[in-house]
Amino acid sequence: MREDAKQHLTTRPPLQVGGSSPARVLVVSDIRIVREGLVSALSKRQMSWEVSQSSGLEEAVARASRGAVDVALADMSILGGQEPTERLAQLARSTRVIAFAAANSDTVLLACVECGIVGFVPRDGSADDLVATVEGALRGEASLSPRLTVSLMRRLAAVGRGIGIPRAVLRLTRRERQILALIDEGLGNKEIAGRLLIELATVKNHVHSILEKTQARRRGEAAALIRRAPR
């Protein structure tokens, strides 16, 4: 793997699988050809796995809550809409979740880490990368790129040092903080919608809410606040 070379951090005890109890891997994507292709590829590479598919997070959450899933592979393209990370968090509470086709955005990926995601495979990742990441999750490891690991450590260090967070930022939802960080990176509404896989109108609504909560007159004025918060 490229930057690729993943950092493996132990997060949970290894799952006790093997013998007559194969690892149960669930592919979650609303694109049928993606689901079927990954089920076929993973089954051929790891014949000891029991690989199944789901077309949405709701079904995946239901199956995971019944203890029927060891590792869920979530297609990042299905995570659009209002506060999609909350649905991911619900899934992550019941099983180990790996996001594939992940965008190269620290802001989005760090939010997913906060929700309990244990691994990421980027859009240019291979099936072998996916297998290796699942194997790491089964061992109780989290697989993060070196850059994302550094970003996470910086955020934890900032919190540990007690760096103050502006009150206006504390009033924002997680999604609003994500959008504000992307505004600070210089992205326009359309680019933010593409990066977060949400509707343009949704971004506009969030920006309006951000300006109201921060009492900022302009986007740039609101974005300046995020620079003082742990990132």
C-alpha atoms as a PDB file:
ATOM      1  CA  MET A   1       0.000   0.000   0.000  1.00  0.00           C
ATOM      2  CA  ARG A   2       1.190   3.494  -0.812  1.00  0.00           C
ATOM      3  CA  GLU A   3       0.802   6.344   1.773  1.00  0.00           C
ATOM      4  CA  ASP A   4      -0.528   3.965   1.729  1.00  0.00           C
ATOM      5  CA  ALA A   5       1.664   1.904   3.893  1.00  0.00           C
ATOM      6  CA  LYS A   6      -0.892   1.584   6.624  1.00  0.00           C
ATOM      7  CA  GLN A   7      -0.300   2.122  10.314  1.00  0.00           C
ATOM      8  CA  HIS A   8      -1.823  -0.668  12.404  1.00  0.00           C
ATOM      9  CA  LEU A   9      -3.117   0.311  15.837  1.00  0.00           C
ATOM     10  CA  THR A  10      -4.653  -2.230  18.184  1.00  0.00           C
ATOM     11  CA  THR A  11      -8.234  -1.192  18.980  1.00  0.00           C
ATOM     12  CA  ARG A  12     -10.072  -4.299  20.198  1.00  0.00           C
ATOM     13  CA  PRO A  13      -9.224  -7.909  21.089  1.00  0.00           C
ATOM     14  CA  PRO A  14      -8.895 -10.227  18.063  1.00  0.00           C
ATOM     15  CA  LEU A  15     -12.089 -11.954  16.990  1.00  0.00           C
ATOM     16  CA  GLN A  16     -12.152 -15.668  17.721  1.00  0.00           C
ATOM     17  CA  VAL A  17     -12.919 -17.051  14.263  1.00  0.00           C
ATOM     18  CA  GLY A  18     -11.745 -20.050  12.343  1.00  0.00           C
ATOM     19  CA  GLY A  19     -12.460 -23.762  12.171  1.00  0.00           C
ATOM     20  CA  SER A  20     -16.196 -24.239  11.838  1.00  0.00           C
ATOM     21  CA  SER A  21     -16.841 -20.538  12.487  1.00  0.00           C
ATOM     22  CA  PRO A  22     -15.729 -18.533   9.420  1.00  0.00           C
ATOM     23  CA  ALA A  23     -15.275 -14.785   9.602  1.00  0.00           C
ATOM     24  CA  ARG A  24     -18.521 -13.109   8.524  1.00  0.00           C
ATOM     25  CA  VAL A  25     -17.807 -10.179   6.204  1.00  0.00           C
ATOM     26  CA  LEU A  26     -20.611  -7.929   4.964  1.00  0.00           C
ATOM     27  CA  VAL A  27     -20.199  -5.707   1.877  1.00  0.00           C
ATOM     28  CA  VAL A  28     -22.438  -2.620   2.134  1.00  0.00           C
ATOM     29  CA  SER A  29     -23.043  -0.639  -1.064  1.00  0.00           C
ATOM     30  CA  ASP A  30     -26.070   0.664  -2.944  1.00  0.00           C
ATOM     31  CA  ILE A  31     -24.354  -0.198  -6.251  1.00  0.00           C
ATOM     32  CA  ARG A  32     -25.190  -3.787  -7.151  1.00  0.00           C
ATOM     33  CA  ILE A  33     -22.216  -4.377  -9.446  1.00  0.00           C
ATOM     34  CA  VAL A  34     -19.863  -3.165  -6.704  1.00  0.00           C
ATOM     35  CA  ARG A  35     -21.445  -5.441  -4.086  1.00  0.00           C
ATOM     36  CA  GLU A  36     -21.435  -8.507  -6.295  1.00  0.00           C
ATOM     37  CA  GLY A  37     -17.930  -7.835  -7.603  1.00  0.00           C
ATOM     38  CA  LEU A  38     -16.456  -7.486  -4.119  1.00  0.00           C
ATOM     39  CA  VAL A  39     -18.298 -10.531  -2.771  1.00  0.00           C
ATOM     40  CA  SER A  40     -16.858 -12.586  -5.650  1.00  0.00           C
ATOM     41  CA  ALA A  41     -13.337 -11.163  -5.313  1.00  0.00           C
ATOM     42  CA  LEU A  42     -13.165 -11.560  -1.537  1.00  0.00           C
ATOM     43  CA  SER A  43     -14.638 -15.064  -1.590  1.00  0.00           C
ATOM     44  CA  LYS A  44     -11.985 -16.194  -4.080  1.00  0.00           C
ATOM     45  CA  ARG A  45      -9.122 -14.657  -2.077  1.00  0.00           C
ATOM     46  CA  GLN A  46     -10.323 -15.863   1.314  1.00  0.00           C
ATOM     47  CA  MET A  47     -12.359 -19.039   0.914  1.00  0.00           C
ATOM     48  CA  SER A  48     -12.621 -19.355   4.708  1.00  0.00           C
ATOM     49  CA  TRP A  49     -14.673 -16.145   4.913  1.00  0.00           C
ATOM     50  CA  GLU A  50     -18.445 -16.034   4.728  1.00  0.00           C
ATOM     51  CA  VAL A  51     -18.990 -12.971   2.508  1.00  0.00           C
ATOM     52  CA  SER A  52     -22.475 -11.509   2.056  1.00  0.00           C
ATOM     53  CA  GLN A  53     -23.929  -8.213   0.856  1.00  0.00           C
ATOM     54  CA  SER A  54     -26.327  -5.461   1.862  1.00  0.00           C
ATOM     55  CA  SER A  55     -27.682  -2.579  -0.203  1.00  0.00           C
ATOM     56  CA  GLY A  56     -27.888  -0.078   2.669  1.00  0.00           C
ATOM     57  CA  LEU A  57     -26.800   0.890   6.153  1.00  0.00           C
ATOM     58  CA  GLU A  58     -30.194   0.223   7.731  1.00  0.00           C
ATOM     59  CA  GLU A  59     -30.104  -3.453   6.846  1.00  0.00           C
ATOM     60  CA  ALA A  60     -26.426  -3.632   7.794  1.00  0.00           C
ATOM     61  CA  VAL A  61     -27.125  -2.132  11.224  1.00  0.00           C
ATOM     62  CA  ALA A  62     -29.957  -4.628  11.793  1.00  0.00           C
ATOM     63  CA  ARG A  63     -27.771  -7.589  10.874  1.00  0.00           C
ATOM     64  CA  ALA A  64     -24.820  -6.361  12.935  1.00  0.00           C
ATOM     65  CA  SER A  65     -27.026  -5.764  15.982  1.00  0.00           C
ATOM     66  CA  ARG A  66     -28.059  -9.429  15.814  1.00  0.00           C
ATOM     67  CA  GLY A  67     -24.380 -10.422  15.981  1.00  0.00           C
ATOM     68  CA  ALA A  68     -24.426 -11.707  12.395  1.00  0.00           C
ATOM     69  CA  VAL A  69     -21.471  -9.615  11.155  1.00  0.00           C
ATOM     70  CA  ASP A  70     -17.807  -9.607  12.176  1.00  0.00           C
ATOM     71  CA  VAL A  71     -16.564  -6.944   9.749  1.00  0.00           C
ATOM     72  CA  ALA A  72     -18.658  -4.578   7.606  1.00  0.00           C
ATOM     73  CA  LEU A  73     -17.173  -3.011   4.467  1.00  0.00           C
ATOM     74  CA  ALA A  74     -19.034   0.254   3.891  1.00  0.00           C
ATOM     75  CA  ASP A  75     -18.930   1.973   0.513  1.00  0.00           C
ATOM     76  CA  MET A  76     -18.311   5.674   1.236  1.00  0.00           C
ATOM     77  CA  SER A  77     -20.553   6.610  -1.699  1.00  0.00           C
ATOM     78  CA  ILE A  78     -23.661   5.620   0.294  1.00  0.00           C
ATOM     79  CA  LEU A  79     -22.886   7.969   3.144  1.00  0.00           C
ATOM     80  CA  GLY A  80     -24.605  11.065   1.763  1.00  0.00           C
ATOM     81  CA  GLY A  81     -27.464  12.953   3.405  1.00  0.00           C
ATOM     82  CA  GLN A  82     -27.868  14.519   6.833  1.00  0.00           C
ATOM     83  CA  GLU A  83     -25.252  13.482   9.409  1.00  0.00           C
ATOM     84  CA  PRO A  84     -24.305  10.186   7.680  1.00  0.00           C
ATOM     85  CA  THR A  85     -21.586   9.543  10.249  1.00  0.00           C
ATOM     86  CA  GLU A  86     -24.264   9.000  12.899  1.00  0.00           C
ATOM     87  CA  ARG A  87     -25.508   5.979  10.977  1.00  0.00           C
ATOM     88  CA  LEU A  88     -21.939   4.772  10.657  1.00  0.00           C
ATOM     89  CA  ALA A  89     -21.480   5.177  14.392  1.00  0.00           C
ATOM     90  CA  GLN A  90     -24.553   3.031  14.987  1.00  0.00           C
ATOM     91  CA  LEU A  91     -23.066   0.295  12.794  1.00  0.00           C
ATOM     92  CA  ALA A  92     -19.634   0.640  14.413  1.00  0.00           C
ATOM     93  CA  ARG A  93     -21.126   0.053  17.870  1.00  0.00           C
ATOM     94  CA  SER A  94     -22.141  -3.456  16.797  1.00  0.00           C
ATOM     95  CA  THR A  95     -19.280  -4.533  14.537  1.00  0.00           C
ATOM     96  CA  ARG A  96     -15.929  -3.475  13.070  1.00  0.00           C
ATOM     97  CA  VAL A  97     -16.392  -1.177  10.107  1.00  0.00           C
ATOM     98  CA  ILE A  98     -14.016  -0.532   7.227  1.00  0.00           C
ATOM     99  CA  ALA A  99     -14.765   2.228   4.701  1.00  0.00           C
ATOM    100  CA  PHE A 100     -13.777   1.607   1.090  1.00  0.00           C
ATOM    101  CA  ALA A 101     -13.655   3.991  -1.865  1.00  0.00           C
ATOM    102  CA  ALA A 102     -12.711   6.524   0.796  1.00  0.00           C
ATOM    103  CA  ALA A 103     -12.102  10.119  -0.310  1.00  0.00           C
ATOM    104  CA  ASN A 104      -8.682  11.592   0.365  1.00  0.00           C
ATOM    105  CA  SER A 105      -9.973  14.065   2.957  1.00  0.00           C
ATOM    106  CA  ASP A 106      -8.597  14.129   6.492  1.00  0.00           C
ATOM    107  CA  THR A 107     -11.633  16.089   7.649  1.00  0.00           C
ATOM    108  CA  VAL A 108     -14.064  13.401   6.533  1.00  0.00           C
ATOM    109  CA  LEU A 109     -11.888  10.456   7.561  1.00  0.00           C
ATOM    110  CA  LEU A 110     -11.167  11.852  11.034  1.00  0.00           C
ATOM    111  CA  ALA A 111     -14.898  12.275  11.582  1.00  0.00           C
ATOM    112  CA  CYS A 112     -15.316   8.617  10.634  1.00  0.00           C
ATOM    113  CA  VAL A 113     -12.561   7.621  13.076  1.00  0.00           C
ATOM    114  CA  GLU A 114     -14.445   9.479  15.811  1.00  0.00           C
ATOM    115  CA  CYS A 115     -17.477   7.342  14.954  1.00  0.00           C
ATOM    116  CA  GLY A 116     -15.531   4.110  15.380  1.00  0.00           C
ATOM    117  CA  ILE A 117     -14.392   3.203  11.853  1.00  0.00           C
ATOM    118  CA  VAL A 118     -11.290   0.988  12.143  1.00  0.00           C
ATOM    119  CA  GLY A 119      -9.914   1.076   8.612  1.00  0.00           C
ATOM    120  CA  PHE A 120      -9.977   2.767   5.223  1.00  0.00           C
ATOM    121  CA  VAL A 121      -9.252   1.613   1.674  1.00  0.00           C
ATOM    122  CA  PRO A 122      -8.901   4.530  -0.790  1.00  0.00           C
ATOM    123  CA  ARG A 123     -10.553   4.756  -4.181  1.00  0.00           C
ATOM    124  CA  ASP A 124      -7.436   3.465  -5.918  1.00  0.00           C
ATOM    125  CA  GLY A 125      -7.032   0.587  -3.458  1.00  0.00           C
ATOM    126  CA  SER A 126      -6.999  -3.004  -4.672  1.00  0.00           C
ATOM    127  CA  ALA A 127      -8.902  -6.091  -3.564  1.00  0.00           C
ATOM    128  CA  ASP A 128      -5.690  -7.260  -1.888  1.00  0.00           C
ATOM    129  CA  ASP A 129      -5.599  -3.995   0.084  1.00  0.00           C
ATOM    130  CA  LEU A 130      -9.163  -4.662   1.193  1.00  0.00           C
ATOM    131  CA  VAL A 131      -8.331  -8.235   2.271  1.00  0.00           C
ATOM    132  CA  ALA A 132      -5.324  -7.020   4.281  1.00  0.00           C
ATOM    133  CA  THR A 133      -7.415  -4.348   6.005  1.00  0.00           C
ATOM    134  CA  VAL A 134     -10.140  -6.857   6.903  1.00  0.00           C
ATOM    135  CA  GLU A 135      -7.526  -9.254   8.271  1.00  0.00           C
ATOM    136  CA  GLY A 136      -6.173  -6.421  10.418  1.00  0.00           C
ATOM    137  CA  ALA A 137      -9.660  -5.654  11.732  1.00  0.00           C
ATOM    138  CA  LEU A 138     -10.155  -9.329  12.624  1.00  0.00           C
ATOM    139  CA  ARG A 139      -6.905  -9.134  14.627  1.00  0.00           C
ATOM    140  CA  GLY A 140      -8.264  -6.137  16.500  1.00  0.00           C
ATOM    141  CA  GLU A 141      -6.198  -3.547  14.611  1.00  0.00           C
ATOM    142  CA  ALA A 142      -7.093  -0.202  13.066  1.00  0.00           C
ATOM    143  CA  SER A 143      -5.504   0.487   9.674  1.00  0.00           C
ATOM    144  CA  LEU A 144      -4.792   4.173   9.018  1.00  0.00           C
ATOM    145  CA  SER A 145      -2.486   5.892   6.551  1.00  0.00           C
ATOM    146  CA  PRO A 146       0.598   7.565   8.086  1.00  0.00           C
ATOM    147  CA  ARG A 147      -0.806  11.025   7.267  1.00  0.00           C
ATOM    148  CA  LEU A 148      -4.167  10.283   8.878  1.00  0.00           C
ATOM    149  CA  THR A 149      -2.403   8.831  11.928  1.00  0.00           C
ATOM    150  CA  VAL A 150      -0.415  12.056  12.307  1.00  0.00           C
ATOM    151  CA  SER A 151      -3.584  14.150  11.963  1.00  0.00           C
ATOM    152  CA  LEU A 152      -5.294  12.054  14.624  1.00  0.00           C
ATOM    153  CA  MET A 153      -2.312  12.372  16.976  1.00  0.00           C
ATOM    154  CA  ARG A 154      -2.261  16.149  16.506  1.00  0.00           C
ATOM    155  CA  ARG A 155      -5.947  16.360  17.353  1.00  0.00           C
ATOM    156  CA  LEU A 156      -5.478  14.234  20.481  1.00  0.00           C
ATOM    157  CA  ALA A 157      -2.427  16.272  21.506  1.00  0.00           C
ATOM    158  CA  ALA A 158      -4.375  19.529  21.098  1.00  0.00           C
ATOM    159  CA  VAL A 159      -7.168  18.202  23.284  1.00  0.00           C
ATOM    160  CA  GLY A 160      -4.654  16.962  25.853  1.00  0.00           C
ATOM    161  CA  ARG A 161      -3.021  20.385  26.065  1.00  0.00           C
ATOM    162  CA  GLY A 162      -6.414  21.933  26.733  1.00  0.00           C
ATOM    163  CA  ILE A 163      -6.343  24.198  23.703  1.00  0.00           C
ATOM    164  CA  GLY A 164      -9.503  26.263  23.853  1.00  0.00           C
ATOM    165  CA  ILE A 165     -12.318  25.805  21.389  1.00  0.00           C
ATOM    166  CA  PRO A 166     -14.341  28.916  20.556  1.00  0.00           C
ATOM    167  CA  ARG A 167     -17.854  28.772  21.990  1.00  0.00           C
ATOM    168  CA  ALA A 168     -19.299  29.415  18.564  1.00  0.00           C
ATOM    169  CA  VAL A 169     -17.630  26.246  17.258  1.00  0.00           C
ATOM    170  CA  LEU A 170     -18.974  24.213  20.183  1.00  0.00           C
ATOM    171  CA  ARG A 171     -22.498  25.165  19.089  1.00  0.00           C
ATOM    172  CA  LEU A 172     -21.969  23.561  15.677  1.00  0.00           C
ATOM    173  CA  THR A 173     -22.897  19.994  14.823  1.00  0.00           C
ATOM    174  CA  ARG A 174     -20.203  17.568  13.693  1.00  0.00           C
ATOM    175  CA  ARG A 175     -21.297  17.973  10.070  1.00  0.00           C
ATOM    176  CA  GLU A 176     -21.209  21.761  10.362  1.00  0.00           C
ATOM    177  CA  ARG A 177     -17.659  21.589  11.733  1.00  0.00           C
ATOM    178  CA  GLN A 178     -16.678  19.375   8.793  1.00  0.00           C
ATOM    179  CA  ILE A 179     -18.104  21.892   6.339  1.00  0.00           C
ATOM    180  CA  LEU A 180     -16.483  24.810   8.123  1.00  0.00           C
ATOM    181  CA  ALA A 181     -13.108  23.065   7.924  1.00  0.00           C
ATOM    182  CA  LEU A 182     -13.573  22.544   4.182  1.00  0.00           C
ATOM    183  CA  ILE A 183     -14.532  26.197   3.761  1.00  0.00           C
ATOM    184  CA  ASP A 184     -11.283  27.035   5.523  1.00  0.00           C
ATOM    185  CA  GLU A 185      -9.475  24.888   2.932  1.00  0.00           C
ATOM    186  CA  GLY A 186     -10.920  27.182   0.253  1.00  0.00           C
ATOM    187  CA  LEU A 187     -13.630  24.886  -1.109  1.00  0.00           C
ATOM    188  CA  GLY A 188     -16.857  26.273  -2.546  1.00  0.00           C
ATOM    189  CA  ASN A 189     -20.311  24.836  -1.849  1.00  0.00           C
ATOM    190  CA  LYS A 190     -20.303  22.622  -4.951  1.00  0.00           C
ATOM    191  CA  GLU A 191     -16.858  21.228  -4.132  1.00  0.00           C
ATOM    192  CA  ILE A 192     -17.929  20.559  -0.535  1.00  0.00           C
ATOM    193  CA  ALA A 193     -21.013  18.710  -1.758  1.00  0.00           C
ATOM    194  CA  GLY A 194     -18.806  16.532  -3.955  1.00  0.00           C
ATOM    195  CA  ARG A 195     -16.273  15.902  -1.210  1.00  0.00           C
ATOM    196  CA  LEU A 196     -18.903  14.892   1.382  1.00  0.00           C
ATOM    197  CA  LEU A 197     -21.209  13.181  -1.117  1.00  0.00           C
ATOM    198  CA  ILE A 198     -24.225  15.282  -0.154  1.00  0.00           C
ATOM    199  CA  GLU A 199     -26.625  17.540  -2.056  1.00  0.00           C
ATOM    200  CA  LEU A 200     -25.647  21.128  -2.881  1.00  0.00           C
ATOM    201  CA  ALA A 201     -28.828  22.370  -1.198  1.00  0.00           C
ATOM    202  CA  THR A 202     -27.822  20.525   1.971  1.00  0.00           C
ATOM    203  CA  VAL A 203     -24.457  22.294   1.990  1.00  0.00           C
ATOM    204  CA  LYS A 204     -26.168  25.672   1.558  1.00  0.00           C
ATOM    205  CA  ASN A 205     -28.462  24.940   4.491  1.00  0.00           C
ATOM    206  CA  HIS A 206     -25.504  23.991   6.673  1.00  0.00           C
ATOM    207  CA  VAL A 207     -23.574  27.127   5.679  1.00  0.00           C
ATOM    208  CA  HIS A 208     -26.605  29.269   6.563  1.00  0.00           C
ATOM    209  CA  SER A 209     -26.824  27.535   9.954  1.00  0.00           C
ATOM    210  CA  ILE A 210     -23.083  28.015  10.531  1.00  0.00           C
ATOM    211  CA  LEU A 211     -23.302  31.748   9.864  1.00  0.00           C
ATOM    212  CA  GLU A 212     -26.280  32.052  12.221  1.00  0.00           C
ATOM    213  CA  LYS A 213     -24.670  30.095  15.060  1.00  0.00           C
ATOM    214  CA  THR A 214     -21.306  31.842  14.779  1.00  0.00           C
ATOM    215  CA  GLN A 215     -22.897  35.251  14.082  1.00  0.00           C
ATOM    216  CA  ALA A 216     -20.375  35.648  11.271  1.00  0.00           C
ATOM    217  CA  ARG A 217     -21.177  37.884   8.332  1.00  0.00           C
ATOM    218  CA  ARG A 218     -19.035  36.000   5.814  1.00  0.00           C
ATOM    219  CA  ARG A 219     -17.834  32.449   5.231  1.00  0.00           C
ATOM    220  CA  GLY A 220     -14.204  33.434   5.719  1.00  0.00           C
ATOM    221  CA  GLU A 221     -14.976  35.030   9.076  1.00  0.00           C
ATOM    222  CA  ALA A 222     -16.635  31.832  10.273  1.00  0.00           C
ATOM    223  CA  ALA A 223     -13.825  29.661   8.872  1.00  0.00           C
ATOM    224  CA  ALA A 224     -11.254  31.594  10.909  1.00  0.00           C
ATOM    225  CA  LEU A 225     -12.853  30.133  14.054  1.00  0.00           C
ATOM    226  CA  ILE A 226     -12.044  26.557  13.090  1.00  0.00           C
ATOM    227  CA  ARG A 227      -8.314  27.319  13.058  1.00  0.00           C
ATOM    228  CA  ARG A 228      -8.414  27.799  16.821  1.00  0.00           C
ATOM    229  CA  ALA A 229     -10.095  24.433  17.423  1.00  0.00           C
ATOM    230  CA  PRO A 230      -8.268  21.073  17.636  1.00  0.00           C
ATOM    231  CA  ARG A 231      -8.226  19.555  14.115  1.00  0.00           C
END
